[in-house]
Amino acid sequence: MCLALLCPGLALADEGAVEPQVEVDQPSAAPAARQLTKEELLNRLSTRQARLDLERADTQMESARADYEETQRLFERRIVTLDVLRKSKHDYDEAVLRHEQAKIQLEKTRLEFLKDATLVTIVDAKKYRSADGRYIVAVTLRNDSDLNRAKSAMEGQQDVSDQWLTGLLDINNILITMLGQTGTTGLAEAIVVDPYQRIVPALRHGEEITLEYELLRRDLDALTVQVEYLGDRHDYPVFLRKEASGDLPTITSTQYAQQGQLGTRIRYDLELERLGDTEQSFSLIVLNLPSAIPFAFREPRSDARITQVKFTEEISKASLDLEVALPAKLDQSWVDRNISFFVLVTPRSELAKINELAQRYANTTIPPEEIATLTAGRTELVLVPKGIGKLEILVANLFREIKQGTSTTFRFTIMNAGTLALRDITPTLDLPLDWEGTLEPKAIEVIEPAKKAVFTAEINPPPQAAIGEYTIRIAAQGYSGIDTVEPPEKDFTVRIVAKRNITGTAILVAVLIIMVLAIAGASIKVARR
């Protein structure tokens, strides 16, 4: 038997005998038989051993039956005792049990080898982007069960046909699960497709089936396909082949709608991906953005300005920034308005069509329906230019001197120094204690950008106000939508001085003159003496 397993030129008889096969030279020899693999030889050996065990158990059972029948006859003739009969019956029952166990072992050996012969392989695994923007994973499975190994497992079985064996190799109730890495370390795995699991009711020998799933983590390029059948689980780590419909990159942005103050720069993050296996360059285009608003595509790491992006078999993703520079002065028709525009990534062959479309709609926006006809990956972005709300308080002179018991008036101007029309502009005066003041007008409904409004303030100090300097704080506020705009406050200083008494002063001066004259006259008289 050992010689037969090692030498393909020796045939194996069912009874276990080994007979040499004599080769005779003939003019037209038949093609050589297929050489058995090591696994097939081991299967044949194990199956033959199980079959020999069954034949041995069958022989022992027949021998025990004959002994038992002979003992029964002897017992009936009272030649042997009842104990001898019982022992013979026990030996026969034991032989029957060993025979049944040998039959079960033979079938079990064959089924185990049949199980080893069954195999589901991954023929193809790819990901692509559907027309509605979803990322799809398509996995193709095939029943690649080994018919030759099945034949070696069923060696010695009567009436075994290829059709019957092929039916045994059909696989039912195959559970398919797809796992992907969920952590940055690459250790954690979870189901990353929808539906989470699928059951293939039956997969016949040689049959292929393609299963499609929606990829829940579109950035994954590799998955683990778990295939469970016949009580075993098989894990197949696969790298997803990329396939692009139309060979166009996709473009997305998480910051697709942004607001920006005039005079500032804002950036949109752009993620490009091309599911292709060839090298190709694509142009970057912006449509429907007002010409007064300049823009540039930049590489985030180097901040280099770019106009094209290149994809290769190794490089399938690109991260870019779209920088939009809002001018300090922009037509009011664009301020506080949603401006929808498109970013396109397109092959150079499409540039002529894009230029023709831009010229046709030179003075207006291009309809989205027209943009949809272009051969390009695209995404729609929204920009809201926000005007600057700014007020300034202008006062020609911030100092005034008044006499006790008198009032004063002064004028000041509120100017809209921003780029937004401001509403409900209301000035206020923060007066010292017991002071009174009025403003005219009390409020202005609207001040357009670069326009001014003049206010008059009348200040009435109390009659008993002490001599000294007092501060009056001028403030204001206006509104741009729901936002409050306030200018820097101004401090207006009022100095209160005492009233002047002209009559008393004149009398005092006259008294002083008289005293001076009297002193002078007395001095002259003294000098003459």
Protein backbone atom coordinates (compact mmCIF):
# COMPACT_ATOMS: atom_id res chain seq x y z
CA MET A 1 0.00 0.00 0.00
CA CYS A 2 2.83 2.38 0.83
CA LEU A 3 4.42 1.64 -2.52
CA ALA A 4 1.16 2.40 -4.27
CA LEU A 5 0.86 5.79 -2.57
CA LEU A 6 4.36 6.82 -3.47
CA CYS A 7 4.34 5.50 -7.04
CA PRO A 8 1.65 6.69 -9.41
CA GLY A 9 2.45 3.76 -11.68
CA LEU A 10 0.95 1.34 -9.14
CA ALA A 11 -2.83 0.88 -9.05
CA LEU A 12 -4.69 0.49 -5.74
CA ALA A 13 -7.12 -2.41 -5.55
CA ASP A 14 -10.24 -2.18 -3.37
CA GLU A 15 -9.04 -5.12 -1.25
CA GLY A 16 -5.83 -3.30 -0.36
CA ALA A 17 -3.58 -5.56 -2.53
CA VAL A 18 -0.83 -3.96 -4.54
CA GLU A 19 -0.17 -5.24 -8.01
CA PRO A 20 2.49 -3.82 -10.33
CA GLN A 21 1.18 -2.36 -13.57
CA VAL A 22 3.19 -3.51 -16.55
CA GLU A 23 3.65 -0.81 -19.14
CA VAL A 24 3.78 -2.06 -22.76
CA ASP A 25 5.13 0.12 -25.51
CA GLN A 26 2.40 0.70 -28.08
CA PRO A 27 2.33 2.91 -31.14
CA SER A 28 -0.55 5.06 -29.85
CA ALA A 29 -0.32 5.21 -26.05
CA ALA A 30 -3.14 6.85 -24.06
CA PRO A 31 -2.30 10.11 -22.25
CA ALA A 32 -0.90 9.66 -18.75
CA ALA A 33 -3.42 9.80 -15.90
CA ARG A 34 -3.46 12.88 -13.69
CA GLN A 35 -0.99 12.62 -10.85
CA LEU A 36 -2.68 12.65 -7.47
CA THR A 37 -1.83 15.38 -5.03
CA LYS A 38 -0.50 14.70 -1.56
CA GLU A 39 -3.86 15.58 -0.02
CA GLU A 40 -5.69 13.24 -2.37
CA LEU A 41 -3.27 10.42 -1.56
CA LEU A 42 -3.75 11.04 2.17
CA ASN A 43 -7.52 11.07 1.70
CA ARG A 44 -7.39 7.77 -0.15
CA LEU A 45 -5.22 6.26 2.53
CA SER A 46 -7.53 7.40 5.34
CA THR A 47 -10.64 6.29 3.46
CA ARG A 48 -9.11 2.92 2.64
CA GLN A 49 -8.09 2.46 6.28
CA ALA A 50 -11.65 3.21 7.41
CA ARG A 51 -13.01 0.79 4.80
CA LEU A 52 -10.58 -1.93 5.93
CA ASP A 53 -11.70 -1.36 9.51
CA LEU A 54 -15.28 -1.84 8.36
CA GLU A 55 -14.41 -5.05 6.49
CA ARG A 56 -12.56 -6.32 9.57
CA ALA A 57 -15.56 -5.50 11.76
CA ASP A 58 -17.85 -7.21 9.24
CA THR A 59 -15.70 -10.35 9.31
CA GLN A 60 -15.63 -10.35 13.10
CA MET A 61 -19.41 -9.89 13.23
CA GLU A 62 -20.03 -12.79 10.85
CA SER A 63 -17.65 -14.96 12.88
CA ALA A 64 -19.37 -13.98 16.15
CA ARG A 65 -22.78 -14.71 14.59
CA ALA A 66 -21.65 -18.18 13.49
CA ASP A 67 -20.25 -18.87 16.96
CA TYR A 68 -23.46 -17.68 18.56
CA GLU A 69 -25.64 -19.85 16.32
CA GLU A 70 -23.42 -22.88 16.98
CA THR A 71 -23.57 -22.23 20.73
CA GLN A 72 -27.37 -22.03 20.54
CA ARG A 73 -27.48 -25.48 18.93
CA LEU A 74 -25.15 -26.88 21.53
CA PHE A 75 -27.21 -25.33 24.29
CA GLU A 76 -30.39 -26.87 22.91
CA ARG A 77 -28.62 -30.25 23.01
CA ARG A 78 -27.56 -29.42 26.58
CA ILE A 79 -23.89 -29.66 25.71
CA VAL A 80 -23.00 -26.11 26.92
CA THR A 81 -24.31 -24.16 29.84
CA LEU A 82 -26.46 -21.06 29.83
CA ASP A 83 -23.46 -18.93 30.85
CA VAL A 84 -21.59 -20.01 27.75
CA LEU A 85 -24.60 -19.11 25.62
CA ARG A 86 -24.88 -15.71 27.24
CA LYS A 87 -21.20 -15.01 26.70
CA SER A 88 -21.50 -15.99 23.04
CA LYS A 89 -24.50 -13.68 22.68
CA HIS A 90 -22.56 -10.88 24.33
CA ASP A 91 -19.61 -11.38 21.97
CA TYR A 92 -21.96 -11.29 19.00
CA ASP A 93 -23.62 -8.07 20.20
CA GLU A 94 -20.22 -6.49 20.71
CA ALA A 95 -19.22 -7.47 17.18
CA VAL A 96 -22.42 -5.96 15.78
CA LEU A 97 -21.69 -2.72 17.68
CA ARG A 98 -18.13 -2.57 16.38
CA HIS A 99 -19.43 -3.13 12.87
CA GLU A 100 -21.88 -0.21 13.17
CA GLN A 101 -19.15 2.00 14.59
CA ALA A 102 -16.86 1.12 11.70
CA LYS A 103 -19.62 2.03 9.22
CA ILE A 104 -20.15 5.39 10.97
CA GLN A 105 -16.42 6.05 11.00
CA LEU A 106 -16.16 5.37 7.27
CA GLU A 107 -19.02 7.75 6.48
CA LYS A 108 -17.59 10.34 8.88
CA THR A 109 -14.19 10.12 7.21
CA ARG A 110 -15.74 10.58 3.79
CA LEU A 111 -17.85 13.56 4.94
CA GLU A 112 -14.82 15.21 6.56
CA PHE A 113 -12.91 14.89 3.31
CA LEU A 114 -15.90 16.19 1.39
CA LYS A 115 -15.98 19.17 3.78
CA ASP A 116 -12.28 19.73 3.13
CA ALA A 117 -12.98 19.61 -0.59
CA THR A 118 -15.58 22.41 -0.38
CA LEU A 119 -14.17 25.89 -0.89
CA VAL A 120 -15.59 29.38 -1.48
CA THR A 121 -13.12 31.81 -3.02
CA ILE A 122 -13.16 35.59 -3.54
CA VAL A 123 -12.96 36.14 -7.28
CA ASP A 124 -13.24 39.94 -7.30
CA ALA A 125 -13.68 42.82 -4.84
CA LYS A 126 -14.10 46.39 -6.00
CA LYS A 127 -15.61 49.69 -4.94
CA TYR A 128 -17.20 52.33 -7.12
CA ARG A 129 -19.45 55.36 -6.87
CA SER A 130 -23.05 54.97 -7.99
CA ALA A 131 -25.00 57.54 -9.96
CA ASP A 132 -26.67 58.84 -6.80
CA GLY A 133 -23.33 59.45 -5.08
CA ARG A 134 -23.18 56.35 -2.84
CA TYR A 135 -20.01 54.26 -2.54
CA ILE A 136 -20.71 50.64 -3.44
CA VAL A 137 -18.64 47.53 -2.68
CA ALA A 138 -19.13 44.58 -5.05
CA VAL A 139 -17.71 41.19 -4.01
CA THR A 140 -17.84 38.15 -6.30
CA LEU A 141 -17.79 34.68 -4.69
CA ARG A 142 -17.32 31.34 -6.45
CA ASN A 143 -17.79 27.75 -5.33
CA ASP A 144 -14.35 26.36 -6.14
CA SER A 145 -14.83 23.02 -4.41
CA ASP A 146 -12.34 20.36 -5.55
CA LEU A 147 -14.09 17.56 -7.42
CA ASN A 148 -10.94 15.40 -7.52
CA ARG A 149 -10.56 15.55 -3.74
CA ALA A 150 -14.22 14.60 -3.44
CA LYS A 151 -13.61 11.59 -5.70
CA SER A 152 -10.68 10.48 -3.58
CA ALA A 153 -12.83 10.81 -0.48
CA MET A 154 -15.55 8.60 -1.98
CA GLU A 155 -13.16 5.90 -3.20
CA GLY A 156 -14.75 2.49 -2.91
CA GLN A 157 -18.29 3.85 -2.94
CA GLN A 158 -20.47 2.05 -5.46
CA ASP A 159 -22.30 3.93 -8.28
CA VAL A 160 -20.47 7.22 -7.73
CA SER A 161 -20.90 9.63 -10.65
CA ASP A 162 -19.46 13.10 -11.23
CA GLN A 163 -22.98 14.54 -11.24
CA TRP A 164 -23.73 12.99 -7.87
CA LEU A 165 -20.44 14.23 -6.42
CA THR A 166 -21.02 17.71 -7.85
CA GLY A 167 -24.34 17.82 -6.01
CA LEU A 168 -22.55 16.96 -2.77
CA LEU A 169 -20.24 19.93 -3.29
CA ASP A 170 -23.08 22.47 -3.43
CA ILE A 171 -22.87 24.79 -0.41
CA ASN A 172 -25.98 26.07 1.34
CA ASN A 173 -26.64 28.91 3.79
CA ILE A 174 -23.39 30.85 3.37
CA LEU A 175 -23.18 33.81 5.79
CA ILE A 176 -21.26 36.81 4.43
CA THR A 177 -19.93 39.56 6.73
CA MET A 178 -17.62 42.45 5.82
CA LEU A 179 -15.41 44.11 8.40
CA GLY A 180 -13.27 47.22 8.19
CA GLN A 181 -10.87 49.05 10.43
CA THR A 182 -12.56 51.67 12.58
CA GLY A 183 -9.65 53.05 14.61
CA THR A 184 -6.47 54.86 13.72
CA THR A 185 -4.43 51.98 15.14
CA GLY A 186 -5.97 49.56 12.68
CA LEU A 187 -6.85 47.07 15.41
CA ALA A 188 -10.58 47.61 15.91
CA GLU A 189 -12.86 46.13 13.26
CA ALA A 190 -16.57 46.54 12.73
CA ILE A 191 -19.15 45.91 10.03
CA VAL A 192 -18.78 48.80 7.58
CA VAL A 193 -21.35 47.92 4.90
CA ASP A 194 -25.10 47.98 4.52
CA PRO A 195 -26.76 45.51 4.81
CA TYR A 196 -24.61 44.33 7.70
CA GLN A 197 -24.83 40.62 6.86
CA ARG A 198 -26.22 38.56 4.00
CA ILE A 199 -27.01 34.87 3.59
CA VAL A 200 -26.51 33.12 0.26
CA PRO A 201 -29.14 30.31 0.27
CA ALA A 202 -27.19 28.09 -2.14
CA LEU A 203 -24.04 28.25 -4.24
CA ARG A 204 -23.66 25.37 -6.65
CA HIS A 205 -20.36 23.87 -7.68
CA GLY A 206 -18.55 26.23 -10.08
CA GLU A 207 -21.22 28.92 -9.71
CA GLU A 208 -20.37 32.60 -9.12
CA ILE A 209 -22.44 35.22 -7.30
CA THR A 210 -21.82 38.97 -6.94
CA LEU A 211 -23.02 40.75 -3.81
CA GLU A 212 -23.27 44.54 -3.63
CA TYR A 213 -23.19 46.61 -0.45
CA GLU A 214 -23.21 50.30 0.38
CA LEU A 215 -19.89 51.26 1.95
CA LEU A 216 -20.55 53.15 5.19
CA ARG A 217 -16.94 54.33 5.48
CA ARG A 218 -16.10 55.57 2.03
CA ASP A 219 -12.42 56.18 2.89
CA LEU A 220 -11.71 52.46 3.35
CA ASP A 221 -9.64 50.77 0.65
CA ALA A 222 -9.38 47.33 2.30
CA LEU A 223 -11.89 45.01 3.98
CA THR A 224 -12.02 41.62 5.63
CA VAL A 225 -14.64 39.35 4.02
CA GLN A 226 -15.87 36.69 6.46
CA VAL A 227 -17.44 33.64 4.82
CA GLU A 228 -19.13 31.10 7.12
CA TYR A 229 -20.35 27.72 5.87
CA LEU A 230 -20.44 24.11 7.11
CA GLY A 231 -19.69 25.29 10.64
CA ASP A 232 -16.38 26.98 9.74
CA ARG A 233 -15.47 30.63 9.28
CA HIS A 234 -12.98 31.81 6.69
CA ASP A 235 -11.49 35.34 6.76
CA TYR A 236 -10.29 36.91 3.50
CA PRO A 237 -8.50 40.28 3.83
CA VAL A 238 -8.95 41.97 0.46
CA PHE A 239 -7.81 45.24 -1.07
CA LEU A 240 -10.68 46.82 -2.97
CA ARG A 241 -10.10 47.36 -6.65
CA LYS A 242 -11.23 50.85 -7.63
CA GLU A 243 -13.53 51.32 -10.54
CA ALA A 244 -14.84 54.69 -11.71
CA SER A 245 -17.95 55.28 -13.76
CA GLY A 246 -16.79 57.52 -16.61
CA ASP A 247 -13.30 57.65 -15.05
CA LEU A 248 -14.11 61.00 -13.39
CA PRO A 249 -13.01 62.10 -9.93
CA THR A 250 -15.57 62.92 -7.30
CA ILE A 251 -15.35 66.15 -5.31
CA THR A 252 -16.91 66.90 -1.92
CA SER A 253 -16.64 69.60 0.75
CA THR A 254 -17.63 69.48 4.40
CA GLN A 255 -17.65 73.30 4.55
CA TYR A 256 -19.91 73.75 1.56
CA ALA A 257 -21.72 76.86 2.90
CA GLN A 258 -19.78 79.71 4.52
CA GLN A 259 -20.16 83.36 5.50
CA GLY A 260 -17.35 85.86 5.19
CA GLN A 261 -16.85 89.48 6.14
CA LEU A 262 -15.92 91.85 3.35
CA GLY A 263 -12.18 92.35 3.20
CA THR A 264 -11.40 88.85 4.49
CA ARG A 265 -10.43 85.48 2.98
CA ILE A 266 -12.26 82.22 3.54
CA ARG A 267 -11.37 78.67 2.53
CA TYR A 268 -13.44 75.67 1.49
CA ASP A 269 -11.93 72.22 2.05
CA LEU A 270 -12.18 70.02 -1.03
CA GLU A 271 -11.73 66.23 -1.06
CA LEU A 272 -11.15 64.66 -4.47
CA GLU A 273 -11.15 60.92 -5.18
CA ARG A 274 -10.79 59.01 -8.41
CA LEU A 275 -11.55 55.29 -8.46
CA GLY A 276 -9.40 54.46 -11.45
CA ASP A 277 -6.18 52.59 -12.20
CA THR A 278 -4.70 54.83 -14.91
CA GLU A 279 -2.68 58.03 -14.73
CA GLN A 280 -4.57 61.19 -15.74
CA SER A 281 -4.61 64.93 -15.01
CA PHE A 282 -7.73 67.04 -14.51
CA SER A 283 -8.38 70.80 -14.55
CA LEU A 284 -10.04 72.72 -11.71
CA ILE A 285 -12.80 75.14 -12.69
CA VAL A 286 -15.15 77.51 -10.80
CA LEU A 287 -18.45 78.58 -12.38
CA ASN A 288 -21.07 81.14 -11.29
CA LEU A 289 -18.85 82.95 -8.80
CA PRO A 290 -19.06 86.76 -9.40
CA SER A 291 -16.02 88.10 -11.24
CA ALA A 292 -15.54 90.73 -8.51
CA ILE A 293 -14.63 87.95 -6.09
CA PRO A 294 -11.18 86.45 -6.86
CA PHE A 295 -10.35 82.86 -5.93
CA ALA A 296 -7.49 80.37 -6.01
CA PHE A 297 -6.99 76.62 -5.50
CA ARG A 298 -4.25 75.90 -2.97
CA GLU A 299 -2.40 72.82 -1.73
CA PRO A 300 -2.96 72.84 2.07
CA ARG A 301 0.54 71.80 3.15
CA SER A 302 2.64 74.03 0.90
CA ASP A 303 -0.02 76.69 0.23
CA ALA A 304 1.02 76.50 -3.42
CA ARG A 305 -1.45 77.77 -5.98
CA ILE A 306 -2.58 75.05 -8.41
CA THR A 307 -4.88 74.77 -11.40
CA GLN A 308 -4.69 71.03 -12.08
CA VAL A 309 -4.61 67.81 -10.09
CA LYS A 310 -3.06 64.50 -11.16
CA PHE A 311 -4.19 61.00 -10.21
CA THR A 312 -2.20 57.80 -10.62
CA GLU A 313 -2.73 54.16 -9.72
CA GLU A 314 -1.04 54.83 -6.36
CA ILE A 315 -2.52 58.31 -5.77
CA SER A 316 -6.31 58.17 -5.81
CA LYS A 317 -7.13 60.98 -3.35
CA ALA A 318 -6.27 64.66 -3.12
CA SER A 319 -7.06 67.33 -0.53
CA LEU A 320 -7.27 70.94 -1.70
CA ASP A 321 -8.44 74.32 -0.43
CA LEU A 322 -10.48 76.80 -2.43
CA GLU A 323 -9.52 80.27 -1.20
CA VAL A 324 -12.04 83.04 -1.87
CA ALA A 325 -10.96 86.66 -1.27
CA LEU A 326 -13.88 88.95 -0.47
CA PRO A 327 -13.07 92.54 -1.48
CA ALA A 328 -13.49 95.31 1.07
CA LYS A 329 -15.97 97.00 -1.27
CA LEU A 330 -18.52 94.86 -3.05
CA ASP A 331 -21.66 95.72 -4.94
CA GLN A 332 -24.48 95.93 -2.42
CA SER A 333 -26.54 93.54 -4.54
CA TRP A 334 -24.17 90.72 -3.52
CA VAL A 335 -23.95 91.58 0.20
CA ASP A 336 -25.93 89.39 2.62
CA ARG A 337 -27.05 87.17 -0.23
CA ASN A 338 -26.53 83.45 -0.86
CA ILE A 339 -24.22 83.06 -3.84
CA SER A 340 -24.33 79.51 -5.20
CA PHE A 341 -21.43 78.45 -7.39
CA PHE A 342 -19.90 75.22 -8.66
CA VAL A 343 -16.42 73.71 -8.44
CA LEU A 344 -15.63 71.32 -11.29
CA VAL A 345 -12.83 68.82 -11.83
CA THR A 346 -12.79 67.94 -15.50
CA PRO A 347 -10.54 66.48 -18.20
CA ARG A 348 -8.79 69.02 -20.39
CA SER A 349 -10.80 67.89 -23.38
CA GLU A 350 -13.88 69.46 -21.78
CA LEU A 351 -12.35 72.96 -21.36
CA ALA A 352 -13.48 74.19 -24.77
CA LYS A 353 -17.10 73.31 -24.00
CA ILE A 354 -16.85 74.98 -20.59
CA ASN A 355 -15.43 78.17 -22.12
CA GLU A 356 -18.20 78.25 -24.71
CA LEU A 357 -20.79 77.84 -21.96
CA ALA A 358 -19.22 80.63 -19.89
CA GLN A 359 -19.26 83.00 -22.87
CA ARG A 360 -22.88 82.21 -23.65
CA TYR A 361 -23.89 83.15 -20.09
CA ALA A 362 -21.33 85.94 -19.67
CA ASN A 363 -23.77 88.39 -18.06
CA THR A 364 -25.75 85.95 -15.95
CA THR A 365 -25.42 82.74 -13.98
CA ILE A 366 -25.17 79.42 -15.80
CA PRO A 367 -28.24 77.24 -15.09
CA PRO A 368 -27.45 74.11 -13.07
CA GLU A 369 -29.08 72.05 -15.82
CA GLU A 370 -26.43 73.24 -18.27
CA ILE A 371 -23.62 72.49 -15.82
CA ALA A 372 -25.02 68.98 -15.31
CA THR A 373 -24.38 68.25 -19.00
CA LEU A 374 -20.63 68.74 -18.60
CA THR A 375 -18.31 65.76 -18.32
CA ALA A 376 -16.95 66.65 -14.91
CA GLY A 377 -17.07 65.85 -11.25
CA ARG A 378 -18.73 68.75 -9.46
CA THR A 379 -19.94 70.06 -6.15
CA GLU A 380 -22.09 73.07 -5.32
CA LEU A 381 -20.86 75.58 -2.74
CA VAL A 382 -22.55 78.57 -1.11
CA LEU A 383 -20.94 81.90 -0.20
CA VAL A 384 -22.62 84.64 1.86
CA PRO A 385 -20.64 87.93 1.82
CA LYS A 386 -21.33 89.75 5.05
CA GLY A 387 -21.02 93.53 5.09
CA ILE A 388 -19.27 95.34 7.93
CA GLY A 389 -21.48 97.29 10.29
CA LYS A 390 -19.48 100.22 11.68
CA LEU A 391 -20.51 103.52 13.25
CA GLU A 392 -18.39 106.51 14.20
CA ILE A 393 -19.24 109.54 16.38
CA LEU A 394 -17.72 112.80 15.14
CA VAL A 395 -17.58 115.91 17.38
CA ALA A 396 -15.81 119.08 16.22
CA ASN A 397 -15.00 120.28 19.77
CA LEU A 398 -15.12 118.13 22.85
CA PHE A 399 -14.86 121.06 25.33
CA ARG A 400 -17.33 123.74 26.35
CA GLU A 401 -17.19 126.38 29.13
CA ILE A 402 -20.41 127.76 30.60
CA LYS A 403 -21.40 129.94 33.56
CA GLN A 404 -23.30 128.71 36.53
CA GLY A 405 -27.03 128.54 35.98
CA THR A 406 -26.80 128.51 32.18
CA SER A 407 -27.36 125.74 29.59
CA THR A 408 -25.47 124.84 26.44
CA THR A 409 -25.98 123.05 23.15
CA PHE A 410 -23.57 121.24 20.85
CA ARG A 411 -23.80 119.22 17.68
CA PHE A 412 -22.27 115.87 16.81
CA THR A 413 -22.39 113.59 13.77
CA ILE A 414 -22.88 109.82 13.50
CA MET A 415 -21.37 108.37 10.32
CA ASN A 416 -21.89 104.88 8.84
CA ALA A 417 -18.27 103.88 8.21
CA GLY A 418 -19.14 100.29 7.26
CA THR A 419 -20.50 98.58 4.17
CA LEU A 420 -23.98 97.76 5.47
CA ALA A 421 -27.03 99.97 5.78
CA LEU A 422 -27.75 100.36 9.49
CA ARG A 423 -31.19 100.85 10.96
CA ASP A 424 -32.65 102.42 14.08
CA ILE A 425 -29.56 104.43 14.98
CA THR A 426 -30.19 105.87 18.43
CA PRO A 427 -27.69 108.13 20.28
CA THR A 428 -27.63 108.37 24.09
CA LEU A 429 -26.10 110.80 26.61
CA ASP A 430 -24.66 109.69 29.91
CA LEU A 431 -25.12 112.86 32.05
CA PRO A 432 -23.83 113.77 35.52
CA LEU A 433 -26.25 113.46 38.43
CA ASP A 434 -29.26 115.81 38.28
CA TRP A 435 -28.29 117.09 34.84
CA GLU A 436 -30.86 117.09 32.05
CA GLY A 437 -30.39 116.76 28.33
CA THR A 438 -32.35 116.32 25.13
CA LEU A 439 -31.42 115.08 21.65
CA GLU A 440 -32.84 116.17 18.37
CA PRO A 441 -33.61 114.00 16.50
CA LYS A 442 -33.95 111.16 18.95
CA ALA A 443 -33.22 108.45 16.35
CA ILE A 444 -32.57 107.95 12.66
CA GLU A 445 -34.35 105.18 10.80
CA VAL A 446 -31.61 104.29 8.28
CA ILE A 447 -28.08 105.45 7.56
CA GLU A 448 -26.66 104.14 4.32
CA PRO A 449 -22.94 103.24 4.00
CA ALA A 450 -20.69 106.37 3.97
CA LYS A 451 -23.65 108.59 4.95
CA LYS A 452 -23.98 110.81 8.04
CA ALA A 453 -26.65 112.02 10.41
CA VAL A 454 -26.36 115.20 12.54
CA PHE A 455 -27.74 115.38 16.09
CA THR A 456 -28.13 118.37 18.42
CA ALA A 457 -27.75 117.94 22.17
CA GLU A 458 -29.09 120.50 24.67
CA ILE A 459 -27.52 120.24 28.13
CA ASN A 460 -29.11 121.77 31.25
CA PRO A 461 -26.98 121.63 34.42
CA PRO A 462 -28.76 122.20 37.74
CA PRO A 463 -28.64 125.85 38.99
CA GLN A 464 -26.70 124.77 42.05
CA ALA A 465 -24.03 122.92 40.11
CA ALA A 466 -20.65 123.58 41.60
CA ILE A 467 -17.86 125.21 39.69
CA GLY A 468 -15.68 122.61 37.95
CA GLU A 469 -15.40 120.22 34.98
CA TYR A 470 -18.02 117.61 34.15
CA THR A 471 -17.94 114.76 31.59
CA ILE A 472 -20.82 113.87 29.31
CA ARG A 473 -20.45 110.50 27.55
CA ILE A 474 -21.91 110.22 24.04
CA ALA A 475 -22.88 106.70 22.88
CA ALA A 476 -25.03 105.23 20.11
CA GLN A 477 -26.23 101.94 18.68
CA GLY A 478 -27.71 100.71 15.44
CA TYR A 479 -28.82 97.41 13.95
CA SER A 480 -27.84 95.27 10.97
CA GLY A 481 -30.44 92.57 10.90
CA ILE A 482 -30.30 91.08 14.38
CA ASP A 483 -26.73 92.26 15.01
CA THR A 484 -26.13 95.30 17.18
CA VAL A 485 -23.53 97.82 16.04
CA GLU A 486 -22.06 100.30 18.52
CA PRO A 487 -19.42 103.00 17.85
CA PRO A 488 -16.62 103.95 20.26
CA GLU A 489 -17.94 106.35 22.88
CA LYS A 490 -16.92 110.01 23.00
CA ASP A 491 -16.42 112.13 26.15
CA PHE A 492 -17.62 115.74 26.00
CA THR A 493 -16.27 118.01 28.78
CA VAL A 494 -18.25 120.93 30.27
CA ARG A 495 -16.52 123.45 32.57
CA ILE A 496 -18.77 125.51 34.84
CA VAL A 497 -17.42 128.93 35.96
CA ALA A 498 -18.88 131.60 38.31
CA LYS A 499 -21.03 134.43 37.01
CA ARG A 500 -19.30 137.85 36.59
CA ASN A 501 -20.67 140.95 38.79
CA ILE A 502 -19.79 144.08 36.71
CA THR A 503 -21.23 146.69 39.17
CA GLY A 504 -19.38 145.28 42.14
CA THR A 505 -16.23 145.12 40.14
CA ALA A 506 -16.58 148.77 39.07
CA ILE A 507 -17.14 149.95 42.65
CA LEU A 508 -14.18 147.92 43.79
CA VAL A 509 -12.02 149.46 41.08
CA ALA A 510 -13.23 153.00 42.01
CA VAL A 511 -12.47 152.42 45.69
CA LEU A 512 -9.04 151.17 44.78
CA ILE A 513 -8.40 154.28 42.62
CA ILE A 514 -9.57 156.62 45.37
CA MET A 515 -7.36 154.86 47.87
CA VAL A 516 -4.39 155.11 45.54
CA LEU A 517 -5.05 158.83 44.96
CA ALA A 518 -5.46 159.51 48.66
CA ILE A 519 -2.23 157.75 49.44
CA ALA A 520 -0.48 159.71 46.70
CA GLY A 521 -1.82 163.06 47.97
CA ALA A 522 -0.80 162.35 51.51
CA SER A 523 2.65 161.43 50.34
CA ILE A 524 3.02 164.78 48.52
CA LYS A 525 1.96 166.80 51.55
CA VAL A 526 4.41 165.01 53.76
CA ALA A 527 7.18 165.67 51.26
CA ARG A 528 6.49 169.47 51.21
CA ARG A 529 6.71 169.76 54.93
